[in-house]
Amino acid sequence: MDFGDILAQWDNLQKSEKSQKLQKNHPSRKSQTLHDVYEKKMKADSEKSANPMDIWMRRYGVIDKDAAAEEYEYRSKIESREYLRKMRPEEVIDLHGMTKDEAWQRLNGFVTECKRRGLHKILIIHGKGNHSHGTDPVLGEMVRSFIECDKRLGSSGHPDRNHGGSGATWVIIRQ
């Protein structure tokens, strides 16, 4: 075998690899459209002529430090118990006159909707149980057990007397 045979084998190998790549990227394949092929070509051309810093920025992105600082400040505020207590409820549900099962279902749907809307604090009005049949208030205990069981809900407490006192419960929805 001489040098000419080695070159011939090399050429054949290069041609076969090139034809495999062409078949793989051929626009007539069902998985690729003509638009996909065009987009790949444009991206490759732009990366060849683009600034290396631009390519790096597109690939890895940047972090907005101001937004991250604001997010941290907001989260630390939310974790502050006093801030949570003073924050106004964004939505209110009144469970007066419902049975325990009805109230549980309504409360579950209400929390689902509030979480979907991205709300942070809700107020549940359940009453003090002065008109309950029997000795123990029904809805207050049910609301407390619902909050303890539901993973979507976080901190809770009773508002001041002017906003319902022990007949209502505010709850923070976890994000």
N, C-alpha and C. Protein backbone atom coordinates (compact mmCIF):
# COMPACT_ATOMS: atom_id res chain seq x y z
N MET A 1 0.86 -1.16 0.00
CA MET A 1 0.00 0.00 0.00
C MET A 1 0.91 1.23 0.00
N ASP A 2 0.66 2.10 -0.94
CA ASP A 2 1.47 3.31 -1.02
C ASP A 2 0.64 4.52 -0.58
N PHE A 3 1.23 5.68 -0.64
CA PHE A 3 0.60 6.91 -0.17
C PHE A 3 -0.65 7.25 -0.98
N GLY A 4 -0.68 6.96 -2.23
CA GLY A 4 -1.84 7.21 -3.09
C GLY A 4 -3.05 6.40 -2.65
N ASP A 5 -2.81 5.12 -2.23
CA ASP A 5 -3.92 4.29 -1.75
C ASP A 5 -4.49 4.85 -0.44
N ILE A 6 -3.61 5.34 0.42
CA ILE A 6 -4.06 5.92 1.70
C ILE A 6 -4.92 7.15 1.43
N LEU A 7 -4.49 8.00 0.49
CA LEU A 7 -5.27 9.19 0.15
C LEU A 7 -6.63 8.82 -0.45
N ALA A 8 -6.65 7.79 -1.26
CA ALA A 8 -7.90 7.34 -1.87
C ALA A 8 -8.87 6.85 -0.79
N GLN A 9 -8.36 6.08 0.18
CA GLN A 9 -9.21 5.61 1.27
C GLN A 9 -9.74 6.79 2.09
N TRP A 10 -8.87 7.75 2.34
CA TRP A 10 -9.27 8.94 3.09
C TRP A 10 -10.39 9.70 2.37
N ASP A 11 -10.24 9.89 1.08
CA ASP A 11 -11.27 10.58 0.28
C ASP A 11 -12.60 9.84 0.33
N ASN A 12 -12.54 8.51 0.19
CA ASN A 12 -13.77 7.72 0.24
C ASN A 12 -14.45 7.83 1.61
N LEU A 13 -13.66 7.82 2.66
CA LEU A 13 -14.20 7.96 4.01
C LEU A 13 -14.86 9.32 4.19
N GLN A 14 -14.22 10.37 3.72
CA GLN A 14 -14.78 11.72 3.82
C GLN A 14 -16.08 11.84 3.03
N LYS A 15 -16.12 11.27 1.84
CA LYS A 15 -17.32 11.33 1.01
C LYS A 15 -18.48 10.58 1.66
N SER A 16 -18.19 9.42 2.25
CA SER A 16 -19.27 8.64 2.88
C SER A 16 -19.82 9.37 4.11
N GLU A 17 -18.94 10.01 4.91
CA GLU A 17 -19.40 10.77 6.07
C GLU A 17 -20.24 11.96 5.63
N LYS A 18 -19.81 12.63 4.57
CA LYS A 18 -20.53 13.80 4.06
C LYS A 18 -21.90 13.38 3.54
N SER A 19 -21.97 12.27 2.83
CA SER A 19 -23.26 11.82 2.30
C SER A 19 -24.20 11.40 3.43
N GLN A 20 -23.65 10.81 4.50
CA GLN A 20 -24.50 10.46 5.65
C GLN A 20 -25.07 11.71 6.31
N LYS A 21 -24.25 12.74 6.44
CA LYS A 21 -24.73 14.00 7.02
C LYS A 21 -25.80 14.63 6.15
N LEU A 22 -25.61 14.61 4.84
CA LEU A 22 -26.60 15.17 3.93
C LEU A 22 -27.92 14.42 4.01
N GLN A 23 -27.85 13.10 4.09
CA GLN A 23 -29.07 12.31 4.20
C GLN A 23 -29.77 12.58 5.52
N LYS A 24 -28.98 12.74 6.58
CA LYS A 24 -29.55 12.98 7.90
C LYS A 24 -30.25 14.34 7.94
N ASN A 25 -29.68 15.35 7.32
CA ASN A 25 -30.23 16.70 7.33
C ASN A 25 -31.05 17.04 6.09
N HIS A 26 -31.39 16.07 5.31
CA HIS A 26 -32.11 16.32 4.07
C HIS A 26 -33.52 16.82 4.37
N PRO A 27 -33.98 17.90 3.69
CA PRO A 27 -35.29 18.47 3.99
C PRO A 27 -36.46 17.56 3.63
N SER A 28 -36.25 16.54 2.86
CA SER A 28 -37.37 15.67 2.50
C SER A 28 -37.73 14.70 3.61
N ARG A 29 -36.88 14.64 4.65
CA ARG A 29 -37.21 13.77 5.78
C ARG A 29 -38.44 14.31 6.48
N LYS A 30 -39.26 13.43 7.02
CA LYS A 30 -40.52 13.84 7.63
C LYS A 30 -40.29 14.64 8.90
N SER A 31 -39.23 14.37 9.64
CA SER A 31 -39.03 15.03 10.92
C SER A 31 -38.53 16.46 10.77
N GLN A 32 -38.03 16.84 9.60
CA GLN A 32 -37.52 18.19 9.40
C GLN A 32 -38.27 18.86 8.26
N THR A 33 -38.58 20.11 8.48
CA THR A 33 -39.20 20.89 7.42
C THR A 33 -38.14 21.77 6.78
N LEU A 34 -38.49 22.38 5.69
CA LEU A 34 -37.57 23.27 5.01
C LEU A 34 -37.23 24.46 5.92
N HIS A 35 -38.21 24.88 6.69
CA HIS A 35 -37.98 25.98 7.62
C HIS A 35 -36.93 25.62 8.67
N ASP A 36 -36.96 24.38 9.19
CA ASP A 36 -35.98 23.93 10.19
C ASP A 36 -34.57 23.96 9.60
N VAL A 37 -34.42 23.48 8.38
CA VAL A 37 -33.11 23.46 7.73
C VAL A 37 -32.60 24.90 7.55
N TYR A 38 -33.50 25.80 7.13
CA TYR A 38 -33.13 27.20 6.94
C TYR A 38 -32.70 27.83 8.27
N GLU A 39 -33.45 27.54 9.34
CA GLU A 39 -33.12 28.10 10.65
C GLU A 39 -31.74 27.61 11.12
N LYS A 40 -31.45 26.32 10.93
CA LYS A 40 -30.14 25.78 11.33
C LYS A 40 -29.02 26.47 10.57
N LYS A 41 -29.22 26.66 9.26
CA LYS A 41 -28.19 27.30 8.43
C LYS A 41 -27.97 28.74 8.87
N MET A 42 -29.06 29.46 9.14
CA MET A 42 -28.94 30.86 9.56
C MET A 42 -28.24 30.95 10.93
N LYS A 43 -28.57 30.05 11.82
CA LYS A 43 -27.94 30.05 13.14
C LYS A 43 -26.44 29.76 13.03
N ALA A 44 -26.10 28.78 12.19
CA ALA A 44 -24.68 28.45 12.01
C ALA A 44 -23.93 29.61 11.39
N ASP A 45 -24.54 30.27 10.39
CA ASP A 45 -23.90 31.41 9.76
C ASP A 45 -23.72 32.57 10.72
N SER A 46 -24.74 32.80 11.56
CA SER A 46 -24.64 33.92 12.49
C SER A 46 -23.59 33.64 13.57
N GLU A 47 -23.45 32.38 13.98
CA GLU A 47 -22.44 32.06 14.99
C GLU A 47 -21.03 32.18 14.44
N LYS A 48 -20.87 31.90 13.16
CA LYS A 48 -19.54 32.03 12.56
C LYS A 48 -19.11 33.48 12.51
N SER A 49 -20.05 34.38 12.21
CA SER A 49 -19.70 35.78 12.04
C SER A 49 -19.93 36.61 13.30
N ALA A 50 -20.54 36.03 14.34
CA ALA A 50 -20.87 36.80 15.55
C ALA A 50 -19.66 36.92 16.47
N ASN A 51 -19.78 37.88 17.33
CA ASN A 51 -18.77 38.12 18.35
C ASN A 51 -18.81 36.94 19.34
N PRO A 52 -17.67 36.41 19.75
CA PRO A 52 -17.67 35.29 20.70
C PRO A 52 -18.40 35.61 22.01
N MET A 53 -18.33 36.87 22.43
CA MET A 53 -19.03 37.26 23.65
C MET A 53 -20.54 37.15 23.46
N ASP A 54 -21.05 37.53 22.28
CA ASP A 54 -22.48 37.42 21.99
C ASP A 54 -22.92 35.96 21.99
N ILE A 55 -22.11 35.11 21.43
CA ILE A 55 -22.44 33.68 21.40
C ILE A 55 -22.51 33.15 22.83
N TRP A 56 -21.56 33.53 23.66
CA TRP A 56 -21.55 33.08 25.05
C TRP A 56 -22.78 33.59 25.78
N MET A 57 -23.14 34.85 25.57
CA MET A 57 -24.30 35.45 26.23
C MET A 57 -25.59 34.76 25.82
N ARG A 58 -25.72 34.41 24.52
CA ARG A 58 -26.92 33.71 24.05
C ARG A 58 -27.00 32.32 24.66
N ARG A 59 -25.88 31.67 24.79
CA ARG A 59 -25.87 30.30 25.29
C ARG A 59 -26.13 30.25 26.79
N TYR A 60 -25.47 31.10 27.58
CA TYR A 60 -25.54 31.00 29.03
C TYR A 60 -26.42 32.06 29.69
N GLY A 61 -26.76 33.12 28.96
CA GLY A 61 -27.63 34.14 29.51
C GLY A 61 -26.96 35.00 30.55
N VAL A 62 -27.73 35.89 31.11
CA VAL A 62 -27.23 36.79 32.14
C VAL A 62 -28.20 36.76 33.32
N ILE A 63 -27.72 37.20 34.45
CA ILE A 63 -28.55 37.27 35.65
C ILE A 63 -28.77 38.74 35.95
N ASP A 64 -30.03 39.12 36.07
CA ASP A 64 -30.37 40.48 36.43
C ASP A 64 -30.25 40.61 37.95
N LYS A 65 -29.15 41.19 38.40
CA LYS A 65 -28.88 41.26 39.83
C LYS A 65 -29.88 42.15 40.56
N ASP A 66 -30.38 43.19 39.91
CA ASP A 66 -31.38 44.04 40.54
C ASP A 66 -32.67 43.27 40.78
N ALA A 67 -33.09 42.50 39.79
CA ALA A 67 -34.31 41.70 39.95
C ALA A 67 -34.13 40.64 41.01
N ALA A 68 -32.95 40.04 41.07
CA ALA A 68 -32.68 39.02 42.09
C ALA A 68 -32.71 39.64 43.49
N ALA A 69 -32.17 40.84 43.64
CA ALA A 69 -32.18 41.52 44.93
C ALA A 69 -33.61 41.88 45.35
N GLU A 70 -34.42 42.34 44.39
CA GLU A 70 -35.81 42.66 44.69
C GLU A 70 -36.58 41.41 45.10
N GLU A 71 -36.32 40.31 44.41
CA GLU A 71 -36.98 39.04 44.73
C GLU A 71 -36.60 38.59 46.14
N TYR A 72 -35.32 38.72 46.50
CA TYR A 72 -34.86 38.34 47.84
C TYR A 72 -35.53 39.20 48.90
N GLU A 73 -35.60 40.50 48.65
CA GLU A 73 -36.22 41.41 49.60
C GLU A 73 -37.70 41.08 49.78
N TYR A 74 -38.38 40.78 48.68
CA TYR A 74 -39.80 40.44 48.73
C TYR A 74 -40.01 39.14 49.52
N ARG A 75 -39.18 38.13 49.26
CA ARG A 75 -39.31 36.85 49.98
C ARG A 75 -39.05 37.02 51.47
N SER A 76 -38.06 37.83 51.83
CA SER A 76 -37.79 38.02 53.26
C SER A 76 -38.94 38.77 53.93
N LYS A 77 -39.59 39.67 53.19
CA LYS A 77 -40.76 40.36 53.71
C LYS A 77 -41.90 39.39 53.95
N ILE A 78 -42.14 38.52 52.98
CA ILE A 78 -43.23 37.55 53.06
C ILE A 78 -43.02 36.62 54.26
N GLU A 79 -41.77 36.30 54.56
CA GLU A 79 -41.49 35.40 55.67
C GLU A 79 -41.65 36.09 57.03
N SER A 80 -41.69 37.39 57.04
CA SER A 80 -41.85 38.13 58.28
C SER A 80 -43.30 37.99 58.76
N ARG A 81 -43.49 37.48 59.94
CA ARG A 81 -44.83 37.23 60.50
C ARG A 81 -45.63 38.53 60.63
N GLU A 82 -44.99 39.59 61.04
CA GLU A 82 -45.69 40.87 61.22
C GLU A 82 -46.19 41.40 59.87
N TYR A 83 -45.37 41.30 58.85
CA TYR A 83 -45.78 41.75 57.52
C TYR A 83 -46.98 40.95 57.04
N LEU A 84 -46.93 39.63 57.27
CA LEU A 84 -48.05 38.77 56.84
C LEU A 84 -49.33 39.14 57.58
N ARG A 85 -49.22 39.46 58.86
CA ARG A 85 -50.40 39.79 59.64
C ARG A 85 -51.05 41.09 59.15
N LYS A 86 -50.23 42.06 58.77
CA LYS A 86 -50.74 43.36 58.33
C LYS A 86 -51.17 43.39 56.87
N MET A 87 -50.68 42.45 56.08
CA MET A 87 -51.00 42.41 54.65
C MET A 87 -52.51 42.21 54.46
N ARG A 88 -53.10 42.95 53.53
CA ARG A 88 -54.54 42.82 53.28
C ARG A 88 -54.82 41.53 52.51
N PRO A 89 -55.91 40.84 52.85
CA PRO A 89 -56.28 39.65 52.08
C PRO A 89 -56.70 40.05 50.67
N GLU A 90 -56.28 39.25 49.70
CA GLU A 90 -56.59 39.56 48.31
C GLU A 90 -57.93 38.96 47.87
N GLU A 91 -58.42 38.00 48.62
CA GLU A 91 -59.71 37.38 48.30
C GLU A 91 -60.32 36.86 49.59
N VAL A 92 -61.66 36.83 49.64
CA VAL A 92 -62.38 36.42 50.85
C VAL A 92 -63.44 35.38 50.47
N ILE A 93 -63.60 34.38 51.33
CA ILE A 93 -64.68 33.40 51.17
C ILE A 93 -65.45 33.34 52.48
N ASP A 94 -66.77 33.28 52.36
CA ASP A 94 -67.65 33.21 53.53
C ASP A 94 -68.30 31.84 53.56
N LEU A 95 -68.08 31.09 54.63
CA LEU A 95 -68.60 29.73 54.75
C LEU A 95 -69.83 29.62 55.65
N HIS A 96 -70.39 30.77 56.07
CA HIS A 96 -71.57 30.75 56.95
C HIS A 96 -72.69 29.92 56.35
N GLY A 97 -73.34 29.13 57.18
CA GLY A 97 -74.53 28.39 56.77
C GLY A 97 -74.25 27.10 56.02
N MET A 98 -73.00 26.74 55.83
CA MET A 98 -72.66 25.51 55.10
C MET A 98 -72.43 24.36 56.07
N THR A 99 -72.63 23.16 55.55
CA THR A 99 -72.27 21.99 56.35
C THR A 99 -70.77 21.80 56.26
N LYS A 100 -70.26 20.91 57.07
CA LYS A 100 -68.82 20.64 57.09
C LYS A 100 -68.32 20.18 55.73
N ASP A 101 -69.05 19.24 55.09
CA ASP A 101 -68.63 18.71 53.78
C ASP A 101 -68.74 19.76 52.68
N GLU A 102 -69.82 20.54 52.69
CA GLU A 102 -69.97 21.60 51.69
C GLU A 102 -68.85 22.62 51.81
N ALA A 103 -68.57 23.00 53.06
CA ALA A 103 -67.52 24.00 53.29
C ALA A 103 -66.15 23.47 52.85
N TRP A 104 -65.87 22.20 53.09
CA TRP A 104 -64.58 21.61 52.68
C TRP A 104 -64.43 21.68 51.16
N GLN A 105 -65.48 21.30 50.43
CA GLN A 105 -65.43 21.32 48.96
C GLN A 105 -65.28 22.74 48.43
N ARG A 106 -66.06 23.68 48.98
CA ARG A 106 -65.97 25.07 48.52
C ARG A 106 -64.60 25.65 48.81
N LEU A 107 -64.06 25.32 49.98
CA LEU A 107 -62.75 25.83 50.37
C LEU A 107 -61.66 25.26 49.48
N ASN A 108 -61.75 23.99 49.13
CA ASN A 108 -60.77 23.37 48.23
C ASN A 108 -60.80 24.05 46.86
N GLY A 109 -61.99 24.27 46.31
CA GLY A 109 -62.09 24.95 45.01
C GLY A 109 -61.61 26.39 45.09
N PHE A 110 -61.91 27.06 46.19
CA PHE A 110 -61.48 28.45 46.38
C PHE A 110 -59.97 28.56 46.42
N VAL A 111 -59.32 27.68 47.18
CA VAL A 111 -57.84 27.71 47.28
C VAL A 111 -57.21 27.38 45.93
N THR A 112 -57.78 26.42 45.21
CA THR A 112 -57.27 26.07 43.89
C THR A 112 -57.31 27.28 42.96
N GLU A 113 -58.43 27.99 42.96
CA GLU A 113 -58.58 29.17 42.10
C GLU A 113 -57.63 30.29 42.52
N CYS A 114 -57.49 30.52 43.81
CA CYS A 114 -56.59 31.57 44.29
C CYS A 114 -55.14 31.26 43.96
N LYS A 115 -54.74 30.00 44.07
CA LYS A 115 -53.37 29.60 43.72
C LYS A 115 -53.14 29.80 42.22
N ARG A 116 -54.14 29.44 41.41
CA ARG A 116 -54.03 29.61 39.96
C ARG A 116 -53.86 31.08 39.60
N ARG A 117 -54.55 31.95 40.32
CA ARG A 117 -54.47 33.39 40.06
C ARG A 117 -53.21 34.03 40.64
N GLY A 118 -52.45 33.29 41.44
CA GLY A 118 -51.20 33.82 41.99
C GLY A 118 -51.39 34.71 43.20
N LEU A 119 -52.48 34.54 43.94
CA LEU A 119 -52.73 35.35 45.12
C LEU A 119 -51.85 34.89 46.28
N HIS A 120 -51.61 35.79 47.23
CA HIS A 120 -50.72 35.49 48.34
C HIS A 120 -51.46 35.28 49.66
N LYS A 121 -52.50 36.07 49.91
CA LYS A 121 -53.19 35.99 51.20
C LYS A 121 -54.70 35.96 50.97
N ILE A 122 -55.37 35.04 51.68
CA ILE A 122 -56.82 34.94 51.59
C ILE A 122 -57.41 35.00 52.99
N LEU A 123 -58.69 35.33 53.05
CA LEU A 123 -59.40 35.38 54.32
C LEU A 123 -60.58 34.43 54.25
N ILE A 124 -60.68 33.56 55.23
CA ILE A 124 -61.77 32.58 55.31
C ILE A 124 -62.65 32.99 56.48
N ILE A 125 -63.90 33.33 56.18
CA ILE A 125 -64.85 33.68 57.24
C ILE A 125 -65.66 32.44 57.56
N HIS A 126 -65.54 31.97 58.80
CA HIS A 126 -66.23 30.74 59.19
C HIS A 126 -67.18 30.96 60.36
N GLY A 127 -67.12 32.10 61.00
CA GLY A 127 -67.99 32.40 62.13
C GLY A 127 -67.43 31.83 63.42
N LYS A 128 -68.01 32.28 64.53
CA LYS A 128 -67.54 31.85 65.85
C LYS A 128 -68.27 30.62 66.35
N GLY A 129 -69.34 30.25 65.68
CA GLY A 129 -70.07 29.06 66.07
C GLY A 129 -71.14 29.33 67.11
N ASN A 130 -71.58 30.58 67.25
CA ASN A 130 -72.63 30.90 68.22
C ASN A 130 -73.96 30.23 67.89
N HIS A 131 -74.21 29.99 66.60
CA HIS A 131 -75.49 29.41 66.17
C HIS A 131 -75.36 27.96 65.75
N SER A 132 -74.24 27.33 66.06
CA SER A 132 -74.04 25.92 65.72
C SER A 132 -74.95 25.04 66.56
N HIS A 133 -75.40 23.97 65.97
CA HIS A 133 -76.20 23.01 66.72
C HIS A 133 -75.24 22.13 67.51
N GLY A 134 -75.38 22.10 68.78
CA GLY A 134 -74.45 21.36 69.63
C GLY A 134 -73.58 22.34 70.39
N THR A 135 -72.54 21.84 71.00
CA THR A 135 -71.72 22.69 71.86
C THR A 135 -70.49 23.25 71.16
N ASP A 136 -69.91 22.52 70.22
CA ASP A 136 -68.66 22.96 69.60
C ASP A 136 -68.93 23.61 68.24
N PRO A 137 -68.21 24.71 67.92
CA PRO A 137 -68.32 25.29 66.59
C PRO A 137 -67.75 24.31 65.55
N VAL A 138 -68.50 24.13 64.46
CA VAL A 138 -68.13 23.12 63.46
C VAL A 138 -67.13 23.65 62.45
N LEU A 139 -67.42 24.81 61.86
CA LEU A 139 -66.61 25.30 60.74
C LEU A 139 -65.22 25.76 61.16
N GLY A 140 -65.08 26.32 62.33
CA GLY A 140 -63.75 26.78 62.78
C GLY A 140 -62.76 25.64 62.87
N GLU A 141 -63.17 24.53 63.44
CA GLU A 141 -62.31 23.34 63.54
C GLU A 141 -62.03 22.75 62.16
N MET A 142 -63.07 22.75 61.29
CA MET A 142 -62.89 22.21 59.94
C MET A 142 -61.88 23.05 59.16
N VAL A 143 -61.97 24.36 59.26
CA VAL A 143 -61.02 25.25 58.56
C VAL A 143 -59.60 25.01 59.06
N ARG A 144 -59.44 24.88 60.36
CA ARG A 144 -58.10 24.64 60.92
C ARG A 144 -57.52 23.31 60.41
N SER A 145 -58.33 22.26 60.39
CA SER A 145 -57.82 20.96 59.90
C SER A 145 -57.56 21.01 58.40
N PHE A 146 -58.38 21.77 57.65
CA PHE A 146 -58.14 21.92 56.21
C PHE A 146 -56.78 22.59 55.96
N ILE A 147 -56.51 23.64 56.69
CA ILE A 147 -55.24 24.38 56.53
C ILE A 147 -54.06 23.48 56.88
N GLU A 148 -54.19 22.68 57.93
CA GLU A 148 -53.10 21.78 58.33
C GLU A 148 -52.86 20.68 57.31
N CYS A 149 -53.91 20.22 56.65
CA CYS A 149 -53.79 19.11 55.69
C CYS A 149 -53.34 19.56 54.31
N ASP A 150 -53.64 20.78 53.92
CA ASP A 150 -53.39 21.23 52.55
C ASP A 150 -51.97 21.77 52.41
N LYS A 151 -51.18 21.15 51.54
CA LYS A 151 -49.78 21.52 51.33
C LYS A 151 -49.63 22.88 50.62
N ARG A 152 -50.70 23.37 49.97
CA ARG A 152 -50.63 24.64 49.26
C ARG A 152 -50.68 25.83 50.22
N LEU A 153 -51.09 25.60 51.45
CA LEU A 153 -51.29 26.69 52.40
C LEU A 153 -50.16 26.74 53.42
N GLY A 154 -49.82 27.96 53.82
CA GLY A 154 -48.72 28.15 54.76
C GLY A 154 -49.22 28.73 56.07
N SER A 155 -48.62 29.83 56.48
CA SER A 155 -48.94 30.47 57.75
C SER A 155 -50.40 30.89 57.80
N SER A 156 -50.95 30.91 59.01
CA SER A 156 -52.33 31.35 59.17
C SER A 156 -52.48 32.01 60.53
N GLY A 157 -53.58 32.69 60.71
CA GLY A 157 -53.86 33.35 61.98
C GLY A 157 -55.22 34.02 61.92
N HIS A 158 -55.60 34.62 63.04
CA HIS A 158 -56.88 35.33 63.11
C HIS A 158 -56.62 36.82 62.95
N PRO A 159 -57.45 37.51 62.19
CA PRO A 159 -57.29 38.96 62.06
C PRO A 159 -57.72 39.67 63.34
N ASP A 160 -57.54 40.99 63.38
CA ASP A 160 -57.97 41.73 64.57
C ASP A 160 -59.49 41.75 64.67
N ARG A 161 -59.99 42.26 65.77
CA ARG A 161 -61.42 42.23 66.05
C ARG A 161 -62.26 42.93 64.99
N ASN A 162 -61.73 44.00 64.41
CA ASN A 162 -62.46 44.78 63.41
C ASN A 162 -62.65 44.02 62.10
N HIS A 163 -61.83 43.00 61.85
CA HIS A 163 -61.89 42.25 60.59
C HIS A 163 -62.33 40.81 60.79
N GLY A 164 -62.99 40.51 61.89
CA GLY A 164 -63.54 39.17 62.07
C GLY A 164 -63.07 38.45 63.31
N GLY A 165 -61.94 38.83 63.85
CA GLY A 165 -61.43 38.20 65.06
C GLY A 165 -61.34 36.69 64.94
N SER A 166 -61.84 35.98 65.93
CA SER A 166 -61.73 34.52 65.92
C SER A 166 -62.78 33.86 65.02
N GLY A 167 -63.64 34.67 64.39
CA GLY A 167 -64.62 34.12 63.45
C GLY A 167 -64.11 34.10 62.03
N ALA A 168 -62.85 34.44 61.83
CA ALA A 168 -62.23 34.42 60.51
C ALA A 168 -60.78 33.96 60.65
N THR A 169 -60.21 33.48 59.55
CA THR A 169 -58.82 33.03 59.55
C THR A 169 -58.17 33.51 58.26
N TRP A 170 -57.02 34.17 58.39
CA TRP A 170 -56.25 34.52 57.19
C TRP A 170 -55.23 33.43 56.95
N VAL A 171 -54.93 33.20 55.67
CA VAL A 171 -54.00 32.13 55.29
C VAL A 171 -53.10 32.63 54.17
N ILE A 172 -51.84 32.26 54.23
CA ILE A 172 -50.88 32.57 53.16
C ILE A 172 -50.82 31.37 52.23
N ILE A 173 -50.91 31.65 50.93
CA ILE A 173 -50.82 30.59 49.93
C ILE A 173 -49.36 30.46 49.50
N ARG A 174 -48.82 29.28 49.59
CA ARG A 174 -47.42 29.05 49.19
C ARG A 174 -47.29 29.16 47.68
N GLN A 175 -46.16 29.72 47.25
CA GLN A 175 -45.95 29.92 45.80
C GLN A 175 -45.12 28.84 45.20
